[in-house]
Amino acid sequence: MLIQNKKRLDSAYCDSKNIITNLEKNLGMNITEIKKMVSNAQVVLTEKEIKTFLEQKLIEENPKLKQWLDERDNKKECLNKQLTMDEQFEENNQYFSNMFALNKYKFDPYTLEYFNKYISIVRKKILILLDIIEKIGNKNTSSIKDIILDLDIELDAKGNILKEDIDRLIKPTVVNIHILQEKLSKANNLSTYLTFKMSKLSVYRDGFSESELYPSTLLQDKGLLSFHPDEYVSLSLRQQEYCNQLLVKSKRKCTKLIFK
């Protein structure tokens, strides 16, 4: 439970319509356009289009490598030919060199899956934030009372909102929209797939779990563990104090266990 008697440093309320106006000024479009833009954000490239592009780039940039690949795939090379040790060594070197060069033109389906999942998470989070902002701005908050309480957004009896709470909601919304646009632009650019490669094997090999690749679905980081705090609704003063109290209690318990 939050500490209810903790007052905000800035107790100035303003008309809740300002939260929508603020967002619209930040993004240069009205709330309806913003919602439509976010809702329609999706990866339009298909696996087939990406593979076709990569194969074409291989032909354009390295025709000899393409020829070598075709000959190998068509088994035109004599697999049983007798080679000296030096020739075998040279052939092995050529093989590994070519296979390494081909990585640029290969496509792993997980790359597209990664973009789709990442964009879906950010899109859903933004739509929730936009829904909160719109309902507060229109003073129609009955359906989001629990969310408002959880985020510690303060409204007065007339539905007006604290100025600082406008900033707490607007900032992560704008930040996440910019993240969405950047990720979407990258995902829908064919050239991205020449340099950006993602596979589950590489993720696990590098010591990461799959979940670490994606942003959190939470609106707030109450554990203060994120490296990107601007993506979350910042904690209110009450929430900060509550978290600090929990931290102090936790330290005391640890101290007692150590010196018991």
Protein backbone atom coordinates (compact mmCIF):
# COMPACT_ATOMS: atom_id res chain seq x y z
CA MET A 1 0.00 0.00 0.00
CA LEU A 2 1.13 3.54 -0.73
CA ILE A 3 1.57 6.05 2.05
CA GLN A 4 -1.60 8.09 1.70
CA ASN A 5 -0.60 11.11 3.79
CA LYS A 6 2.49 11.93 1.72
CA LYS A 7 1.78 15.22 -0.09
CA ARG A 8 3.18 16.09 -3.51
CA LEU A 9 5.71 18.88 -3.70
CA ASP A 10 3.75 20.38 -6.58
CA SER A 11 0.07 20.33 -5.63
CA ALA A 12 -1.14 22.50 -8.53
CA TYR A 13 -4.02 20.93 -10.45
CA CYS A 14 -4.93 21.86 -14.00
CA ASP A 15 -7.71 21.05 -16.43
CA SER A 16 -7.25 17.45 -17.52
CA LYS A 17 -7.78 18.45 -21.17
CA ASN A 18 -4.22 19.79 -21.02
CA ILE A 19 -2.83 16.25 -21.02
CA ILE A 20 -4.23 15.62 -24.52
CA THR A 21 -3.14 19.06 -25.75
CA ASN A 22 0.36 18.46 -24.39
CA LEU A 23 0.67 15.12 -26.17
CA GLU A 24 -0.64 16.54 -29.45
CA LYS A 25 1.90 19.41 -29.34
CA ASN A 26 4.74 16.97 -28.63
CA LEU A 27 3.91 14.76 -31.60
CA GLY A 28 2.42 17.30 -34.03
CA MET A 29 -0.82 15.40 -34.62
CA ASN A 30 -4.15 15.00 -32.90
CA ILE A 31 -4.99 12.12 -30.56
CA THR A 32 -7.04 10.28 -33.20
CA GLU A 33 -4.14 10.40 -35.67
CA ILE A 34 -1.71 9.27 -32.98
CA LYS A 35 -3.86 6.25 -32.08
CA LYS A 36 -4.31 5.34 -35.72
CA MET A 37 -0.58 5.61 -36.41
CA VAL A 38 0.29 3.38 -33.45
CA SER A 39 -2.47 0.84 -34.18
CA ASN A 40 -1.30 0.49 -37.79
CA ALA A 41 2.37 0.07 -36.88
CA GLN A 42 3.45 -3.30 -38.19
CA VAL A 43 6.17 -5.03 -40.18
CA VAL A 44 5.04 -5.20 -43.81
CA LEU A 45 8.04 -7.08 -45.22
CA THR A 46 7.64 -10.83 -45.69
CA GLU A 47 10.20 -13.59 -45.39
CA LYS A 48 9.95 -14.19 -49.15
CA GLU A 49 10.65 -10.53 -49.97
CA ILE A 50 13.67 -10.47 -47.67
CA LYS A 51 15.12 -13.70 -49.08
CA THR A 52 14.65 -12.45 -52.64
CA PHE A 53 16.40 -9.19 -51.76
CA LEU A 54 19.34 -10.95 -50.09
CA GLU A 55 19.80 -13.30 -53.04
CA GLN A 56 19.76 -10.36 -55.45
CA LYS A 57 22.35 -8.53 -53.37
CA LEU A 58 24.54 -11.64 -53.44
CA ILE A 59 24.36 -11.69 -57.24
CA GLU A 60 25.11 -7.95 -57.47
CA GLU A 61 27.88 -7.76 -54.90
CA ASN A 62 29.59 -11.12 -55.21
CA PRO A 63 28.71 -13.03 -58.40
CA LYS A 64 31.66 -15.42 -57.98
CA LEU A 65 30.41 -16.42 -54.55
CA LYS A 66 26.94 -16.97 -56.01
CA GLN A 67 28.44 -19.18 -58.72
CA TRP A 68 30.40 -21.18 -56.15
CA LEU A 69 27.23 -21.69 -54.11
CA ASP A 70 25.21 -22.81 -57.14
CA GLU A 71 27.90 -25.27 -58.17
CA ARG A 72 28.10 -26.64 -54.65
CA ASP A 73 24.32 -26.94 -54.31
CA ASN A 74 24.06 -28.60 -57.72
CA LYS A 75 26.91 -30.98 -56.84
CA LYS A 76 28.86 -29.99 -59.92
CA GLU A 77 32.08 -30.36 -58.02
CA CYS A 78 33.62 -33.79 -57.99
CA LEU A 79 33.44 -34.93 -54.40
CA ASN A 80 35.72 -37.90 -54.89
CA LYS A 81 38.56 -36.23 -56.73
CA GLN A 82 42.01 -36.97 -55.40
CA LEU A 83 43.69 -33.97 -53.80
CA THR A 84 47.12 -33.42 -52.37
CA MET A 85 47.33 -32.25 -48.76
CA ASP A 86 48.13 -28.72 -49.92
CA GLU A 87 45.16 -28.73 -52.30
CA GLN A 88 42.88 -30.10 -49.58
CA PHE A 89 44.08 -27.44 -47.18
CA GLU A 90 43.48 -24.72 -49.76
CA GLU A 91 40.02 -26.07 -50.59
CA ASN A 92 39.04 -26.17 -46.92
CA ASN A 93 40.21 -22.61 -46.45
CA GLN A 94 38.19 -21.52 -49.46
CA TYR A 95 35.13 -23.35 -48.19
CA PHE A 96 35.17 -21.71 -44.76
CA SER A 97 35.97 -18.31 -46.25
CA ASN A 98 33.02 -18.58 -48.64
CA MET A 99 30.64 -19.83 -45.96
CA PHE A 100 31.61 -16.90 -43.74
CA ALA A 101 31.02 -14.44 -46.61
CA LEU A 102 27.62 -16.02 -47.29
CA ASN A 103 26.41 -15.18 -43.77
CA LYS A 104 25.77 -11.63 -44.95
CA TYR A 105 23.18 -12.93 -47.43
CA LYS A 106 21.52 -15.51 -45.22
CA PHE A 107 18.21 -14.96 -43.49
CA ASP A 108 17.20 -16.39 -40.13
CA PRO A 109 13.40 -16.42 -39.63
CA TYR A 110 13.91 -15.44 -36.00
CA THR A 111 15.10 -12.00 -37.15
CA LEU A 112 11.64 -11.21 -38.49
CA GLU A 113 10.00 -12.86 -35.48
CA TYR A 114 12.10 -10.63 -33.21
CA PHE A 115 10.98 -7.43 -34.95
CA ASN A 116 7.32 -8.48 -34.94
CA LYS A 117 7.33 -9.38 -31.25
CA TYR A 118 9.26 -6.27 -30.18
CA ILE A 119 6.96 -3.95 -32.12
CA SER A 120 3.86 -5.73 -30.80
CA ILE A 121 4.96 -5.23 -27.18
CA VAL A 122 5.73 -1.53 -27.61
CA ARG A 123 2.55 -0.93 -29.63
CA LYS A 124 0.34 -2.48 -26.92
CA LYS A 125 2.05 -0.47 -24.19
CA ILE A 126 1.57 2.79 -26.09
CA LEU A 127 -2.09 2.06 -26.76
CA ILE A 128 -2.66 1.50 -23.04
CA LEU A 129 -0.94 4.81 -22.23
CA LEU A 130 -2.95 6.60 -24.92
CA ASP A 131 -6.15 5.15 -23.51
CA ILE A 132 -5.24 6.43 -20.03
CA ILE A 133 -4.35 9.88 -21.38
CA GLU A 134 -7.52 10.16 -23.46
CA LYS A 135 -9.82 9.06 -20.65
CA ILE A 136 -8.20 11.39 -18.12
CA GLY A 137 -8.38 14.24 -20.67
CA ASN A 138 -12.07 13.58 -21.25
CA LYS A 139 -12.74 13.05 -17.54
CA ASN A 140 -14.08 9.59 -18.19
CA THR A 141 -11.92 7.52 -15.87
CA SER A 142 -14.35 5.03 -14.31
CA SER A 143 -12.97 2.13 -16.37
CA ILE A 144 -9.34 2.87 -15.49
CA LYS A 145 -9.63 3.59 -11.75
CA ASP A 146 -7.43 0.65 -10.83
CA ILE A 147 -4.70 1.69 -13.27
CA ILE A 148 -4.79 5.28 -12.01
CA LEU A 149 -4.46 4.04 -8.45
CA ASP A 150 -1.61 1.69 -9.34
CA LEU A 151 0.30 4.45 -11.14
CA ASP A 152 -0.54 6.89 -8.33
CA ILE A 153 -2.02 9.45 -10.71
CA GLU A 154 -3.79 12.11 -8.67
CA LEU A 155 -7.11 13.63 -9.76
CA ASP A 156 -9.24 16.01 -7.74
CA ALA A 157 -13.01 15.79 -7.26
CA LYS A 158 -13.58 17.60 -10.58
CA GLY A 159 -11.32 15.25 -12.50
CA ASN A 160 -8.48 17.76 -12.79
CA ILE A 161 -4.94 16.36 -12.75
CA LEU A 162 -1.69 17.36 -11.09
CA LYS A 163 0.72 19.04 -13.52
CA GLU A 164 3.52 16.65 -12.58
CA ASP A 165 1.30 13.69 -13.39
CA ILE A 166 0.80 15.03 -16.91
CA ASP A 167 4.57 14.88 -17.38
CA ARG A 168 4.74 11.40 -15.84
CA LEU A 169 2.30 10.08 -18.45
CA ILE A 170 3.37 12.11 -21.49
CA LYS A 171 7.11 11.40 -21.29
CA PRO A 172 7.00 7.57 -21.52
CA THR A 173 4.28 7.78 -24.19
CA VAL A 174 6.39 10.01 -26.43
CA VAL A 175 9.56 7.99 -25.75
CA ASN A 176 7.87 4.70 -26.61
CA ILE A 177 6.34 6.16 -29.78
CA HIS A 178 9.81 7.23 -30.92
CA ILE A 179 11.10 3.73 -30.12
CA LEU A 180 8.24 2.21 -32.09
CA GLN A 181 8.91 4.42 -35.11
CA GLU A 182 12.64 3.70 -35.03
CA LYS A 183 12.17 -0.07 -34.71
CA LEU A 184 9.48 -0.05 -37.40
CA SER A 185 11.67 1.89 -39.82
CA LYS A 186 14.48 -0.60 -39.29
CA ALA A 187 12.23 -3.66 -39.62
CA ASN A 188 10.69 -2.42 -42.89
CA ASN A 189 14.03 -1.56 -44.52
CA LEU A 190 15.35 -4.44 -46.64
CA SER A 191 18.95 -3.28 -46.16
CA THR A 192 18.61 -3.97 -42.43
CA TYR A 193 18.69 -7.71 -43.09
CA LEU A 194 22.16 -7.50 -44.65
CA THR A 195 23.72 -6.41 -41.39
CA PHE A 196 21.26 -7.32 -38.64
CA LYS A 197 21.10 -11.03 -37.86
CA MET A 198 19.23 -12.64 -35.00
CA SER A 199 18.90 -16.31 -34.08
CA LYS A 200 17.85 -18.10 -30.92
CA LEU A 201 21.10 -20.06 -30.99
CA SER A 202 23.19 -16.88 -30.96
CA VAL A 203 21.10 -15.45 -28.13
CA TYR A 204 21.59 -18.50 -25.90
CA ARG A 205 25.23 -18.81 -26.92
CA ASP A 206 25.89 -15.25 -25.77
CA GLY A 207 24.40 -16.06 -22.37
CA PHE A 208 21.07 -14.25 -22.72
CA SER A 209 17.53 -15.47 -22.27
CA GLU A 210 15.02 -14.70 -25.01
CA SER A 211 12.98 -12.47 -22.70
CA GLU A 212 15.97 -10.15 -22.25
CA LEU A 213 15.72 -9.13 -25.90
CA TYR A 214 12.35 -7.45 -25.47
CA PRO A 215 11.03 -4.46 -23.53
CA SER A 216 8.88 -5.04 -20.48
CA THR A 217 5.12 -5.02 -20.83
CA LEU A 218 4.83 -3.17 -17.49
CA LEU A 219 3.91 0.51 -17.40
CA GLN A 220 6.11 1.15 -14.37
CA ASP A 221 9.45 -0.17 -13.21
CA LYS A 222 8.75 -0.31 -9.48
CA GLY A 223 11.90 -2.29 -8.84
CA LEU A 224 13.98 0.48 -10.47
CA LEU A 225 15.97 -2.17 -12.34
CA SER A 226 15.66 -0.93 -15.91
CA PHE A 227 18.53 0.65 -17.84
CA HIS A 228 15.93 2.69 -19.76
CA PRO A 229 13.76 4.40 -17.13
CA ASP A 230 12.31 6.92 -19.62
CA GLU A 231 10.28 4.09 -21.18
CA TYR A 232 8.24 3.79 -17.97
CA VAL A 233 5.85 6.02 -16.05
CA SER A 234 8.13 7.47 -13.40
CA LEU A 235 7.38 6.78 -9.75
CA SER A 236 5.51 9.43 -7.81
CA LEU A 237 7.00 10.81 -4.60
CA ARG A 238 4.75 8.50 -2.61
CA GLN A 239 5.87 5.51 -4.62
CA GLN A 240 9.52 6.47 -4.28
CA GLU A 241 9.19 6.75 -0.51
CA TYR A 242 7.38 3.44 -0.32
CA CYS A 243 10.12 1.73 -2.37
CA ASN A 244 12.79 3.29 -0.17
CA GLN A 245 11.04 1.98 2.94
CA LEU A 246 10.94 -1.51 1.45
CA LEU A 247 14.64 -1.26 0.64
CA VAL A 248 15.48 -0.21 4.21
CA LYS A 249 13.42 -3.10 5.62
CA SER A 250 15.13 -5.53 3.28
CA LYS A 251 18.59 -4.31 4.34
CA ARG A 252 17.66 -4.67 8.00
CA LYS A 253 16.51 -8.25 7.47
CA CYS A 254 19.73 -9.10 5.67
CA THR A 255 21.79 -7.52 8.44
CA LYS A 256 19.94 -9.55 11.09
CA LEU A 257 20.50 -12.77 9.15
CA ILE A 258 24.21 -12.06 8.74
CA PHE A 259 24.86 -11.19 12.39
CA LYS A 260 22.37 -13.64 13.94
